[in-house]
C-alpha cells in the first residue's frame, strides 16, 4: 500500500495529527478507529503505520505536543515580567487566549487522560504539574510579599485553573462579550479573589 500521491512524510504526519485531533474531539478516543483516521487523511489503513505505531501512540503524541507547546508559550509570555501581580495578570490572559485557540487539544488533554497507558499518563501528569507549578510560584511569591492572601497555594491554583479552563466549554466568538472583555473580566475576578 502506498502513500497518497503528492504527499510527504512530515505533511502526512501533520495531516494525521490534525485528523486525529478532530476525530478524538468529536467521537472520543475509544470510538475512533484507525481505519476511519486513514480514510479522513486519504491513506490506506496499513499506510498509517509508516507514520504512527499505534492508536495509543497517536493519543500520547497529541497530548504530549500540546503540553510541551503550552509550557514553552507560558514561559515566553512571562519572560521579563516582574512582580507577582503583573505576572498573574499575564498568566491569566495567556491561559485564556491559549485555551480558546486550542480548545480541541485542551479537551482531549483532560477528557482522554484516562485513555493513556499508566506510563504515558505519568509523563503527561508530570507536564501538567509543571504548568500548575508556574501558577503556584506566582501565587507563593505574591503571598510572600503580602500582595495576595492565600490559605493553600495548590488548592488556589487548582480553583483558578478550573475557572479559567472552563472558558473552553462555553466561549463563542460570535457571543455578546468580546474575547478581550472576557479576559478583563476573568483577570479582575482572579485579582480580587487573591487580593490581600
Protein backbone atom coordinates (compact mmCIF):
# COMPACT_ATOMS: atom_id res chain seq x y z
CA UNK A 1 0.00 0.00 0.00
CA UNK A 2 1.46 3.31 -0.96
CA UNK A 3 1.26 6.83 0.29
CA UNK A 4 -1.26 9.24 -1.21
CA UNK A 5 0.12 10.77 -4.42
CA UNK A 6 1.96 14.03 -3.77
CA UNK A 7 2.21 13.55 -0.02
CA UNK A 8 5.38 13.79 2.03
CA UNK A 9 6.28 12.28 5.39
CA UNK A 10 6.07 15.44 7.54
CA UNK A 11 2.97 16.75 5.73
CA UNK A 12 1.25 13.39 6.02
CA UNK A 13 2.07 13.14 9.72
CA UNK A 14 0.72 16.68 10.25
CA UNK A 15 -2.47 15.68 8.40
CA UNK A 16 -2.77 12.53 10.54
CA UNK A 17 -2.37 14.58 13.73
CA UNK A 18 -4.95 17.14 12.59
CA UNK A 19 -7.43 14.43 11.61
CA UNK A 20 -6.70 12.59 14.88
CA UNK A 21 -7.47 15.74 16.87
CA UNK A 22 -10.76 16.18 15.02
CA UNK A 23 -11.85 12.57 15.42
CA UNK A 24 -10.89 12.20 19.07
CA UNK A 25 -12.52 15.55 19.90
CA UNK A 26 -15.68 14.60 18.02
CA UNK A 27 -16.21 10.91 18.80
CA UNK A 28 -13.72 10.16 21.58
CA UNK A 29 -10.57 8.06 21.66
CA UNK A 30 -12.30 4.73 22.24
CA UNK A 31 -14.78 5.22 19.39
CA UNK A 32 -12.20 6.46 16.88
CA UNK A 33 -10.81 3.78 14.58
CA UNK A 34 -7.53 3.84 12.69
CA UNK A 35 -9.46 2.85 9.56
CA UNK A 36 -11.59 5.98 9.95
CA UNK A 37 -8.45 8.07 10.56
CA UNK A 38 -6.78 6.69 7.44
CA UNK A 39 -9.87 7.44 5.33
CA UNK A 40 -10.01 11.01 6.63
CA UNK A 41 -6.38 11.57 5.58
CA UNK A 42 -6.71 9.71 2.27
CA UNK A 43 -4.43 6.82 3.16
CA UNK A 44 -4.78 3.07 3.05
CA UNK A 45 -5.16 1.83 6.66
CA UNK A 46 -1.84 -0.08 6.50
CA UNK A 47 -0.02 3.10 5.43
CA UNK A 48 -0.78 4.76 8.76
CA UNK A 49 1.86 2.54 10.34
CA UNK A 50 4.52 4.35 8.31
CA UNK A 51 3.72 7.38 10.48
CA UNK A 52 2.32 6.15 13.80
CA UNK A 53 2.92 2.88 15.60
CA UNK A 54 -0.38 2.56 17.47
CA UNK A 55 -3.55 4.46 18.26
CA UNK A 56 -2.21 4.88 21.82
CA UNK A 57 0.97 6.49 20.46
CA UNK A 58 -1.13 8.93 18.45
CA UNK A 59 -3.10 9.96 21.55
CA UNK A 60 0.04 10.33 23.63
CA UNK A 61 1.80 12.38 20.94
CA UNK A 62 -1.17 14.72 20.58
CA UNK A 63 -1.41 15.37 24.33
CA UNK A 64 2.36 15.49 24.82
CA UNK A 65 2.84 18.01 21.99
CA UNK A 66 0.05 20.15 23.43
CA UNK A 67 1.68 20.19 26.87
CA UNK A 68 5.17 20.95 25.53
CA UNK A 69 3.82 23.86 23.48
CA UNK A 70 1.76 25.11 26.44
CA UNK A 71 4.82 25.16 28.72
CA UNK A 72 7.07 26.84 26.14
CA UNK A 73 4.49 29.50 25.41
CA UNK A 74 3.67 30.35 29.01
CA UNK A 75 7.39 30.71 29.76
CA UNK A 76 7.82 33.00 26.75
CA UNK A 77 4.77 35.03 27.81
CA UNK A 78 6.02 35.52 31.36
CA UNK A 79 9.62 36.26 30.41
CA UNK A 80 10.71 39.72 31.53
CA UNK A 81 7.53 40.44 33.51
CA UNK A 82 8.41 41.47 37.04
CA UNK A 83 6.23 41.37 40.14
CA UNK A 84 3.67 38.73 41.15
CA UNK A 85 0.60 40.86 40.34
CA UNK A 86 1.74 41.61 36.79
CA UNK A 87 2.85 38.02 36.29
CA UNK A 88 -0.53 36.74 37.49
CA UNK A 89 -2.37 39.07 35.08
CA UNK A 90 -0.13 37.90 32.23
CA UNK A 91 -0.69 34.25 33.18
CA UNK A 92 -4.48 34.69 33.19
CA UNK A 93 -4.51 36.43 29.78
CA UNK A 94 -2.20 33.81 28.30
CA UNK A 95 -4.16 30.88 29.72
CA UNK A 96 -7.48 32.17 28.40
CA UNK A 97 -6.14 33.02 24.94
CA UNK A 98 -4.33 29.70 24.57
CA UNK A 99 -7.28 27.65 25.78
CA UNK A 100 -9.74 29.43 23.50
CA UNK A 101 -7.45 28.88 20.50
CA UNK A 102 -6.67 25.24 21.30
CA UNK A 103 -10.00 24.02 22.53
CA UNK A 104 -9.64 20.54 20.97
CA UNK A 105 -6.20 19.91 22.45
CA UNK A 106 -7.31 21.12 25.89
CA UNK A 107 -10.43 18.95 25.83
CA UNK A 108 -8.52 15.85 24.71
CA UNK A 109 -5.74 16.51 27.23
CA UNK A 110 -8.31 16.42 30.03
CA UNK A 111 -11.00 14.01 28.88
CA UNK A 112 -8.68 11.41 27.39
CA UNK A 113 -6.07 11.35 30.15
CA UNK A 114 -7.99 8.25 31.31
CA UNK A 115 -7.25 6.51 27.98
CA UNK A 116 -3.47 6.74 28.30
CA UNK A 117 -1.38 3.81 29.48
CA UNK A 118 -0.05 4.24 33.05
CA UNK A 119 3.42 5.10 31.71
CA UNK A 120 2.09 7.72 29.28
CA UNK A 121 -0.31 9.09 31.86
CA UNK A 122 2.52 9.57 34.36
CA UNK A 123 4.53 11.57 31.83
CA UNK A 124 1.59 13.81 30.95
CA UNK A 125 0.66 14.34 34.60
CA UNK A 126 4.25 15.47 35.26
CA UNK A 127 3.96 18.05 32.45
CA UNK A 128 0.61 19.23 33.79
CA UNK A 129 2.17 19.57 37.21
CA UNK A 130 4.97 21.68 35.71
CA UNK A 131 2.35 24.03 34.24
CA UNK A 132 0.48 24.22 37.55
CA UNK A 133 3.80 24.96 39.25
CA UNK A 134 4.20 28.10 37.13
CA UNK A 135 0.99 29.45 38.67
CA UNK A 136 1.85 28.19 42.16
CA UNK A 137 5.17 30.01 42.00
CA UNK A 138 3.42 33.29 41.14
CA UNK A 139 0.92 32.81 43.96
CA UNK A 140 3.64 31.92 46.50
CA UNK A 141 5.69 34.98 45.64
CA UNK A 142 2.63 37.21 45.83
CA UNK A 143 1.70 35.78 49.24
CA UNK A 144 5.28 36.19 50.50
CA UNK A 145 5.16 39.89 49.53
CA UNK A 146 1.75 40.21 51.23
CA UNK A 147 0.14 41.11 47.90
CA UNK A 148 -2.06 38.01 47.87
CA UNK A 149 -4.00 36.34 50.69
CA UNK A 150 -3.79 32.61 50.10
CA UNK A 151 -4.54 29.84 52.58
CA UNK A 152 -3.37 26.98 50.36
CA UNK A 153 -1.35 27.71 47.23
CA UNK A 154 -2.03 24.42 45.42
CA UNK A 155 -5.78 24.46 46.11
CA UNK A 156 -5.96 28.10 45.00
CA UNK A 157 -4.07 27.26 41.80
CA UNK A 158 -6.43 24.36 41.03
CA UNK A 159 -9.50 26.52 41.65
CA UNK A 160 -8.18 29.28 39.40
CA UNK A 161 -7.20 26.85 36.64
CA UNK A 162 -10.62 25.19 36.75
CA UNK A 163 -12.35 28.55 36.40
CA UNK A 164 -10.07 29.75 33.60
CA UNK A 165 -10.05 26.50 31.65
CA UNK A 166 -13.85 26.38 31.77
CA UNK A 167 -13.91 29.02 29.05
CA UNK A 168 -13.26 26.22 26.52
CA UNK A 169 -16.72 24.82 27.12
CA UNK A 170 -18.77 27.96 26.59
CA UNK A 171 -16.81 30.65 24.73
CA UNK A 172 -18.45 31.72 21.49
CA UNK A 173 -16.51 34.11 19.21
CA UNK A 174 -19.89 35.43 17.98
CA UNK A 175 -21.19 35.86 21.54
CA UNK A 176 -22.24 39.13 23.09
CA UNK A 177 -18.98 39.61 25.06
CA UNK A 178 -15.69 40.05 23.20
CA UNK A 179 -12.65 37.93 23.97
CA UNK A 180 -10.79 41.00 25.25
CA UNK A 181 -13.65 41.86 27.61
CA UNK A 182 -13.82 38.25 28.85
CA UNK A 183 -10.09 38.31 29.60
CA UNK A 184 -10.53 41.59 31.51
CA UNK A 185 -13.46 40.16 33.50
CA UNK A 186 -11.59 36.97 34.37
CA UNK A 187 -8.47 38.94 35.31
CA UNK A 188 -10.49 41.08 37.69
CA UNK A 189 -12.14 38.01 39.24
CA UNK A 190 -8.74 36.39 39.80
CA UNK A 191 -7.06 39.50 41.16
CA UNK A 192 -9.95 40.26 43.52
CA UNK A 193 -10.05 36.62 44.59
CA UNK A 194 -6.44 36.59 45.77
CA UNK A 195 -6.19 40.21 46.96
CA UNK A 196 -4.67 40.67 50.40
